[in-house]
Amino acid sequence: MKKILIGIVILVILGAGAFFLLRGNGGGPQYRTDKVTRGDIVASVTASGTVNAVTTVLVGTQVSGTVKAIYADFNSRVKKGQLIAQIDPALFEAQVDQARANLLSAKANLTKAEVSVVDTQRTLERNRQLFAKNLVARQELDTAETNYEAARAQANANRAQQEQAAAALRTAETNLRYTRILSPVDGTVVSRNVDVGQTVAASFQTPTLFNIAQDLTKMQIDSSIAEADIGKIKVGQPVEFTVDAYADSPFKGSVSEIRNAPISVQNVVTYDVVINVANPELKLKPGMTANVTIVIDSKKDVVRIPNAALRFRPTERRGKGEQKREKGTGGSGVWVIENNKPKRIGVTTGISDGNYTELASDTIREGQELIVESLAKPKTEGQAPRMRF
């Protein structure tokens, strides 16, 4: 009997010890920390855009007809005024010949009318002399004056017809010149949209025959910047970007223009920011997608704190299994461990690169450990620690 009582007492003592031991090990939260470091910070805005030539000219035709010949192809280098295509000129040459013949006819009619003016003028002068001597009736003098005025009017009409015929000839000659498609600029043919024998119609809309980039050594990126970031963008800011074709070789440029026209797609507002880029090696091609990083500000060799430390908020226990986030006291702050408890320290911050933020105050020092995450797992209400014997 005594041995049984002694055994029970030993079990009770062991159980109590295990209980308090386990409860002691489960108390006190654990935290993951990160150090305050020194380094460089680059604040930037990221976006995507499309690489284009600075000046792109769409070459079309002002006359309809069949493409007789093409003298430029994809990637051809062309000079200003160079013949790059020819519309069949046969119909337009016939129109020029007809307009020239009409002009000759109008000139002949004008000459005939001018001769009639001279003749009627002579008759009028003769009748005036005879009427002064009472040798002709007043009616004959009036008839001579009427014939003279009519001849002058006819000459003026024929003169106008001659000008009209001359204008028609110039129009026909202009249309004939338009059958020769000339390059308006020095550049490179990016695309050709017609083939020999194809009929083009310029009745309602000018068809595009060629797309010519004026200078592929100077490119630009049309990037879409979100409205939340557009206020940070300034002309002249440096830009770094990559394209999929050269993912490991970043290119550099600068902001040249911020366009005020908003672009709204599904209630998302963006603005077009134009970035100038040098392309001396012709690596960049029109239409490439660029992943753009616009440098807003940069600081070198500054004290910086991890952004996770600024986001951290400790929890406090209010009851069985019940926890809440502790509210900050206003402004930016970080948490450190002091006497095995988290303590908040207010800080003044500067620029941020998304991972680190510049420390602009001296409330904490370089190398100090900051809490970035709590490793304690919250207990479920009513759950007690399990003990094994």
Protein backbone atom coordinates (compact mmCIF):
# COMPACT_ATOMS: atom_id res chain seq x y z
CA MET A 1 0.00 0.00 0.00
CA LYS A 2 2.81 2.36 0.91
CA LYS A 3 4.57 1.60 -2.39
CA ILE A 4 1.42 2.48 -4.33
CA LEU A 5 1.07 5.84 -2.56
CA ILE A 6 4.71 6.60 -3.22
CA GLY A 7 4.22 5.80 -6.93
CA ILE A 8 1.18 8.07 -7.18
CA VAL A 9 3.03 10.97 -5.56
CA ILE A 10 5.95 10.52 -7.99
CA LEU A 11 3.56 10.55 -10.99
CA VAL A 12 1.86 13.72 -9.76
CA ILE A 13 5.22 15.46 -9.29
CA LEU A 14 6.40 14.42 -12.75
CA GLY A 15 3.15 15.57 -14.36
CA ALA A 16 3.25 18.95 -12.64
CA GLY A 17 6.87 19.44 -13.66
CA ALA A 18 6.14 18.55 -17.27
CA PHE A 19 3.16 20.92 -17.33
CA PHE A 20 5.11 23.91 -16.07
CA LEU A 21 8.07 23.02 -18.27
CA LEU A 22 5.94 22.90 -21.41
CA ARG A 23 4.08 26.09 -20.52
CA GLY A 24 7.37 27.86 -19.93
CA ASN A 25 8.75 26.75 -23.31
CA GLY A 26 5.59 27.90 -25.11
CA GLY A 27 5.64 31.42 -23.69
CA GLY A 28 7.22 34.52 -25.22
CA PRO A 29 6.95 35.33 -28.96
CA GLN A 30 9.85 34.81 -31.32
CA TYR A 31 10.76 37.27 -34.07
CA ARG A 32 12.81 37.30 -37.25
CA THR A 33 15.06 40.33 -37.54
CA ASP A 34 17.11 42.10 -40.20
CA LYS A 35 19.95 44.58 -39.85
CA VAL A 36 20.13 48.25 -40.72
CA THR A 37 22.69 48.43 -43.55
CA ARG A 38 24.49 51.00 -45.66
CA GLY A 39 24.32 51.05 -49.44
CA ASP A 40 22.85 52.64 -52.56
CA ILE A 41 19.14 53.27 -53.16
CA VAL A 42 17.60 53.97 -56.56
CA ALA A 43 13.94 55.04 -56.60
CA SER A 44 12.32 54.19 -59.92
CA VAL A 45 9.06 53.72 -61.81
CA THR A 46 8.63 50.66 -64.03
CA ALA A 47 6.49 50.46 -67.14
CA SER A 48 6.30 48.83 -70.53
CA GLY A 49 6.35 50.42 -73.95
CA THR A 50 6.96 49.96 -77.66
CA VAL A 51 10.12 50.88 -79.57
CA ASN A 52 9.44 53.04 -82.64
CA ALA A 53 11.39 55.19 -85.05
CA VAL A 54 11.37 58.88 -84.16
CA THR A 55 9.98 59.81 -87.60
CA THR A 56 7.98 57.34 -89.65
CA VAL A 57 6.51 58.39 -93.00
CA LEU A 58 3.61 56.55 -94.64
CA VAL A 59 4.01 56.81 -98.41
CA GLY A 60 0.80 56.55 -100.40
CA THR A 61 -0.56 57.40 -103.84
CA GLN A 62 -2.86 60.22 -104.89
CA VAL A 63 -3.95 58.52 -108.13
CA SER A 64 -5.58 55.19 -108.84
CA GLY A 65 -4.15 52.61 -111.14
CA THR A 66 -2.12 49.45 -111.51
CA VAL A 67 1.34 49.16 -109.98
CA LYS A 68 3.66 48.83 -112.97
CA ALA A 69 7.02 48.56 -111.17
CA ILE A 70 8.51 48.58 -107.67
CA TYR A 71 12.05 49.86 -107.11
CA ALA A 72 12.36 49.49 -103.31
CA ASP A 73 11.81 46.54 -100.99
CA PHE A 74 11.94 45.75 -97.28
CA ASN A 75 15.01 47.25 -95.54
CA SER A 76 16.01 49.21 -98.65
CA ARG A 77 17.90 52.43 -98.02
CA VAL A 78 16.28 55.25 -99.98
CA LYS A 79 17.09 58.91 -100.61
CA LYS A 80 14.71 61.84 -100.72
CA GLY A 81 13.20 62.11 -104.22
CA GLN A 82 14.22 58.58 -105.21
CA LEU A 83 11.75 56.65 -107.41
CA ILE A 84 10.44 53.73 -105.37
CA ALA A 85 7.34 52.66 -107.37
CA GLN A 86 5.55 53.41 -110.64
CA ILE A 87 1.80 53.46 -111.37
CA ASP A 88 0.93 52.57 -114.99
CA PRO A 89 1.05 56.02 -116.67
CA ALA A 90 -0.68 55.15 -119.98
CA LEU A 91 -4.11 56.56 -119.05
CA PHE A 92 -2.62 59.69 -117.52
CA GLU A 93 -0.39 60.31 -120.55
CA ALA A 94 -3.50 60.19 -122.72
CA GLN A 95 -5.21 62.69 -120.44
CA VAL A 96 -2.21 65.01 -120.75
CA ASP A 97 -2.32 64.78 -124.56
CA GLN A 98 -6.05 65.54 -124.56
CA ALA A 99 -5.62 68.49 -122.22
CA ARG A 100 -2.78 69.85 -124.37
CA ALA A 101 -4.96 69.59 -127.50
CA ASN A 102 -7.80 71.42 -125.72
CA LEU A 103 -5.38 74.19 -124.81
CA LEU A 104 -4.24 74.54 -128.44
CA SER A 105 -7.89 74.74 -129.53
CA ALA A 106 -8.61 77.40 -126.90
CA LYS A 107 -5.62 79.44 -128.09
CA ALA A 108 -6.84 79.26 -131.67
CA ASN A 109 -10.34 80.38 -130.67
CA LEU A 110 -8.83 83.28 -128.72
CA THR A 111 -6.78 84.34 -131.74
CA LYS A 112 -9.90 84.22 -133.92
CA ALA A 113 -11.82 86.31 -131.37
CA GLU A 114 -9.04 88.90 -131.20
CA VAL A 115 -9.09 89.22 -135.02
CA SER A 116 -12.84 89.78 -134.86
CA VAL A 117 -12.31 92.52 -132.26
CA VAL A 118 -9.87 94.30 -134.59
CA ASP A 119 -12.28 94.02 -137.53
CA THR A 120 -15.29 95.31 -135.61
CA GLN A 121 -13.22 98.14 -134.20
CA ARG A 122 -12.24 99.27 -137.72
CA THR A 123 -15.87 99.16 -138.81
CA LEU A 124 -16.91 101.22 -135.78
CA GLU A 125 -14.31 103.91 -136.49
CA ARG A 126 -15.34 104.09 -140.14
CA ASN A 127 -19.05 104.47 -139.27
CA ARG A 128 -18.24 107.19 -136.74
CA GLN A 129 -16.51 109.22 -139.44
CA LEU A 130 -19.35 108.70 -141.88
CA PHE A 131 -21.97 109.53 -139.25
CA ALA A 132 -20.15 112.78 -138.49
CA LYS A 133 -20.62 113.72 -142.18
CA ASN A 134 -24.27 112.56 -142.17
CA LEU A 135 -23.45 109.81 -144.67
CA VAL A 136 -24.81 106.90 -142.59
CA ALA A 137 -27.80 106.52 -140.37
CA ARG A 138 -27.58 106.42 -136.56
CA GLN A 139 -28.75 102.80 -136.65
CA GLU A 140 -25.68 101.67 -138.59
CA LEU A 141 -23.40 103.37 -136.03
CA ASP A 142 -25.21 101.66 -133.17
CA THR A 143 -24.92 98.30 -134.91
CA ALA A 144 -21.17 98.77 -135.36
CA GLU A 145 -20.75 99.64 -131.68
CA THR A 146 -22.77 96.56 -130.66
CA ASN A 147 -20.69 94.28 -132.88
CA TYR A 148 -17.48 95.69 -131.42
CA GLU A 149 -18.59 95.16 -127.82
CA ALA A 150 -19.78 91.63 -128.64
CA ALA A 151 -16.41 90.81 -130.23
CA ARG A 152 -14.57 92.07 -127.15
CA ALA A 153 -16.80 89.97 -124.88
CA GLN A 154 -16.22 86.90 -127.02
CA ALA A 155 -12.46 87.47 -126.85
CA ASN A 156 -12.61 87.67 -123.07
CA ALA A 157 -14.62 84.43 -122.95
CA ASN A 158 -12.12 82.70 -125.21
CA ARG A 159 -9.28 84.02 -123.05
CA ALA A 160 -10.95 82.48 -120.00
CA GLN A 161 -11.42 79.20 -121.86
CA GLN A 162 -7.72 79.24 -122.66
CA GLU A 163 -6.87 79.68 -118.94
CA GLN A 164 -9.26 76.87 -118.11
CA ALA A 165 -7.65 74.58 -120.65
CA ALA A 166 -4.20 75.49 -119.31
CA ALA A 167 -5.32 74.60 -115.76
CA ALA A 168 -6.72 71.28 -116.98
CA LEU A 169 -3.36 70.58 -118.64
CA ARG A 170 -1.51 71.32 -115.40
CA THR A 171 -3.87 68.99 -113.50
CA ALA A 172 -3.30 66.20 -116.01
CA GLU A 173 0.47 66.72 -115.88
CA THR A 174 0.36 66.68 -112.06
CA ASN A 175 -1.58 63.40 -112.05
CA LEU A 176 0.98 62.00 -114.47
CA ARG A 177 3.79 62.98 -112.09
CA TYR A 178 1.89 61.33 -109.23
CA THR A 179 2.25 58.00 -111.04
CA ARG A 180 5.91 58.17 -109.99
CA ILE A 181 6.01 57.34 -106.28
CA LEU A 182 9.00 59.17 -104.79
CA SER A 183 10.51 58.85 -101.32
CA PRO A 184 9.76 62.01 -99.31
CA VAL A 185 12.71 61.51 -96.91
CA ASP A 186 16.05 59.79 -96.54
CA GLY A 187 15.48 56.59 -94.62
CA THR A 188 14.88 52.84 -94.56
CA VAL A 189 11.85 51.01 -95.93
CA VAL A 190 10.28 49.28 -92.96
CA SER A 191 7.37 47.72 -94.84
CA ARG A 192 6.08 47.38 -98.40
CA ASN A 193 2.34 46.86 -98.82
CA VAL A 194 1.93 46.44 -102.61
CA ASP A 195 3.14 44.14 -105.38
CA VAL A 196 3.58 44.56 -109.12
CA GLY A 197 0.24 44.23 -110.91
CA GLN A 198 -1.81 45.20 -107.88
CA THR A 199 -4.49 47.83 -108.43
CA VAL A 200 -4.64 50.67 -105.93
CA ALA A 201 -7.66 52.96 -105.56
CA ALA A 202 -7.28 56.45 -104.14
CA SER A 203 -10.92 57.49 -104.50
CA PHE A 204 -11.91 57.68 -100.82
CA GLN A 205 -8.76 56.99 -98.79
CA THR A 206 -5.12 57.22 -99.74
CA PRO A 207 -3.66 53.69 -99.71
CA THR A 208 -0.34 53.20 -97.94
CA LEU A 209 2.30 51.69 -100.23
CA PHE A 210 5.45 52.01 -98.11
CA ASN A 211 6.36 52.69 -94.49
CA ILE A 212 9.69 54.53 -94.31
CA ALA A 213 11.60 55.16 -91.08
CA GLN A 214 13.65 58.31 -91.45
CA ASP A 215 16.55 57.39 -89.12
CA LEU A 216 16.77 54.04 -87.33
CA THR A 217 19.85 55.15 -85.38
CA LYS A 218 17.53 57.34 -83.28
CA MET A 219 14.58 55.55 -81.73
CA GLN A 220 11.91 56.38 -79.19
CA ILE A 221 9.83 54.37 -76.72
CA ASP A 222 6.16 55.18 -76.19
CA SER A 223 5.64 53.95 -72.62
CA SER A 224 2.42 53.86 -70.58
CA ILE A 225 2.81 55.33 -67.08
CA ALA A 226 0.06 54.85 -64.48
CA GLU A 227 -1.65 57.98 -63.19
CA ALA A 228 -0.35 57.25 -59.68
CA ASP A 229 3.26 57.56 -60.92
CA ILE A 230 2.97 60.25 -63.62
CA GLY A 231 3.57 63.06 -61.09
CA LYS A 232 7.05 61.68 -60.39
CA ILE A 233 8.15 61.75 -64.03
CA LYS A 234 10.18 64.72 -65.29
CA VAL A 235 11.72 65.50 -68.67
CA GLY A 236 15.39 64.56 -68.73
CA GLN A 237 15.22 61.74 -66.17
CA PRO A 238 17.51 58.80 -67.03
CA VAL A 239 15.92 55.57 -68.23
CA GLU A 240 17.13 51.99 -68.38
CA PHE A 241 15.26 49.34 -70.32
CA THR A 242 15.57 45.88 -71.78
CA VAL A 243 13.98 44.08 -74.72
CA ASP A 244 13.40 40.35 -75.01
CA ALA A 245 15.91 40.03 -77.84
CA TYR A 246 18.72 41.31 -75.58
CA ALA A 247 17.43 40.49 -72.11
CA ASP A 248 20.92 40.56 -70.58
CA SER A 249 22.00 43.81 -72.25
CA PRO A 250 20.18 46.85 -70.84
CA PHE A 251 19.87 49.99 -72.95
CA LYS A 252 19.87 53.58 -71.72
CA GLY A 253 17.81 56.60 -72.69
CA SER A 254 16.12 59.69 -71.25
CA VAL A 255 12.59 61.07 -70.91
CA SER A 256 11.95 63.58 -73.72
CA GLU A 257 8.21 64.24 -73.53
CA ILE A 258 5.26 63.72 -71.17
CA ARG A 259 2.02 63.82 -73.11
CA ASN A 260 -1.05 65.21 -71.36
CA ALA A 261 -3.61 63.17 -73.28
CA PRO A 262 -5.03 60.48 -70.95
CA ILE A 263 -5.43 56.91 -72.18
CA SER A 264 -8.28 55.09 -70.42
CA VAL A 265 -8.70 51.32 -70.77
CA GLN A 266 -11.27 49.63 -68.52
CA ASN A 267 -11.19 52.60 -66.12
CA VAL A 268 -7.38 52.38 -65.85
CA VAL A 269 -5.84 55.74 -66.78
CA THR A 270 -2.30 55.94 -68.13
CA TYR A 271 -0.22 58.61 -69.85
CA ASP A 272 2.18 58.31 -72.76
CA VAL A 273 5.78 59.15 -71.84
CA VAL A 274 8.20 59.38 -74.78
CA ILE A 275 11.76 58.19 -74.19
CA ASN A 276 14.59 59.00 -76.61
CA VAL A 277 17.09 56.22 -77.27
CA ALA A 278 20.29 56.08 -79.33
CA ASN A 279 20.53 53.04 -81.61
CA PRO A 280 23.92 53.27 -83.36
CA GLU A 281 24.29 49.49 -83.73
CA LEU A 282 20.71 49.09 -85.06
CA LYS A 283 19.96 46.43 -82.43
CA LEU A 284 16.59 47.95 -81.62
CA LYS A 285 13.90 47.37 -84.21
CA PRO A 286 10.49 49.05 -84.56
CA GLY A 287 7.75 47.26 -82.65
CA MET A 288 9.93 45.70 -79.94
CA THR A 289 8.44 45.62 -76.43
CA ALA A 290 10.58 47.46 -73.89
CA ASN A 291 10.55 46.91 -70.12
CA VAL A 292 11.29 50.41 -68.88
CA THR A 293 12.72 51.60 -65.58
CA ILE A 294 12.66 55.38 -65.10
CA VAL A 295 15.06 56.55 -62.40
CA ILE A 296 13.23 59.06 -60.19
CA ASP A 297 16.01 59.64 -57.63
CA SER A 298 19.14 57.91 -56.38
CA LYS A 299 21.28 58.07 -53.23
CA LYS A 300 24.71 56.49 -52.77
CA ASP A 301 26.17 55.11 -49.54
CA VAL A 302 23.22 55.92 -47.27
CA VAL A 303 21.88 54.15 -44.18
CA ARG A 304 18.89 52.07 -45.24
CA ILE A 305 16.31 49.93 -43.51
CA PRO A 306 14.39 46.99 -44.99
CA ASN A 307 10.85 47.82 -46.01
CA ALA A 308 9.61 44.73 -44.18
CA ALA A 309 10.63 46.43 -40.92
CA LEU A 310 8.43 49.43 -41.76
CA ARG A 311 5.48 47.15 -42.49
CA PHE A 312 5.82 45.08 -39.29
CA ARG A 313 3.22 45.51 -36.53
CA PRO A 314 3.40 43.32 -33.38
CA THR A 315 0.39 41.60 -31.82
CA GLU A 316 -0.66 41.57 -28.18
CA ARG A 317 -2.78 39.08 -26.29
CA ARG A 318 -6.11 40.28 -24.97
CA GLY A 319 -7.64 37.02 -23.86
CA LYS A 320 -7.78 33.34 -24.46
CA GLY A 321 -6.77 32.83 -28.11
CA GLU A 322 -7.67 36.46 -28.93
CA GLN A 323 -5.11 38.79 -30.47
CA LYS A 324 -5.07 42.21 -32.12
CA ARG A 325 -2.64 44.29 -34.14
CA GLU A 326 -1.08 47.08 -32.16
CA LYS A 327 -1.78 50.47 -33.71
CA GLY A 328 1.08 52.82 -34.49
CA THR A 329 1.44 56.20 -32.91
CA GLY A 330 1.52 58.05 -36.24
CA GLY A 331 4.32 58.47 -38.77
CA SER A 332 6.84 55.86 -39.82
CA GLY A 333 8.31 53.56 -37.21
CA VAL A 334 10.26 50.34 -36.72
CA TRP A 335 10.34 47.80 -33.92
CA VAL A 336 13.34 46.51 -31.99
CA ILE A 337 13.66 43.92 -29.22
CA GLU A 338 14.35 45.46 -25.82
CA ASN A 339 14.17 43.39 -22.61
CA ASN A 340 12.70 40.52 -24.64
CA LYS A 341 9.80 42.75 -25.73
CA PRO A 342 9.17 44.67 -28.97
CA LYS A 343 9.68 48.42 -28.73
CA ARG A 344 8.64 50.97 -31.35
CA ILE A 345 11.07 53.66 -32.54
CA GLY A 346 9.89 56.48 -34.79
CA VAL A 347 11.98 57.17 -37.87
CA THR A 348 12.13 59.70 -40.71
CA THR A 349 12.44 58.09 -44.12
CA GLY A 350 13.62 59.22 -47.54
CA ILE A 351 13.47 57.54 -50.95
CA SER A 352 12.71 53.86 -51.42
CA ASP A 353 13.49 51.27 -54.07
CA GLY A 354 10.82 48.79 -53.00
CA ASN A 355 13.17 46.67 -50.89
CA TYR A 356 14.99 49.28 -48.82
CA THR A 357 14.13 52.79 -47.62
CA GLU A 358 16.57 55.57 -46.84
CA LEU A 359 16.86 56.44 -43.13
CA ALA A 360 16.84 60.21 -42.80
CA SER A 361 16.94 60.37 -38.98
CA ASP A 362 19.49 59.21 -36.40
CA THR A 363 17.06 57.41 -34.08
CA ILE A 364 18.57 54.05 -35.00
CA ARG A 365 22.11 53.15 -36.03
CA GLU A 366 23.75 51.10 -38.74
CA GLY A 367 23.91 47.40 -37.87
CA GLN A 368 20.99 47.51 -35.44
CA GLU A 369 18.56 44.58 -35.61
CA LEU A 370 14.99 45.41 -36.61
CA ILE A 371 11.98 43.11 -36.33
CA VAL A 372 10.62 42.17 -39.75
CA GLU A 373 8.36 39.21 -38.93
CA SER A 374 6.78 37.43 -35.97
CA LEU A 375 7.46 33.69 -35.82
CA ALA A 376 4.99 32.98 -32.97
CA LYS A 377 1.93 30.98 -33.99
CA PRO A 378 -1.35 32.14 -32.42
CA LYS A 379 -3.12 29.54 -30.29
CA THR A 380 -6.64 28.44 -31.02
CA GLU A 381 -9.13 29.42 -28.34
CA GLY A 382 -9.73 26.68 -25.73
CA GLN A 383 -6.77 24.58 -26.89
CA ALA A 384 -4.45 23.44 -24.07
CA PRO A 385 -0.98 21.97 -24.51
CA ARG A 386 -0.92 18.23 -24.74
CA MET A 387 1.32 16.31 -22.32
CA ARG A 388 2.76 12.92 -22.73
CA PHE A 389 4.09 10.74 -19.91
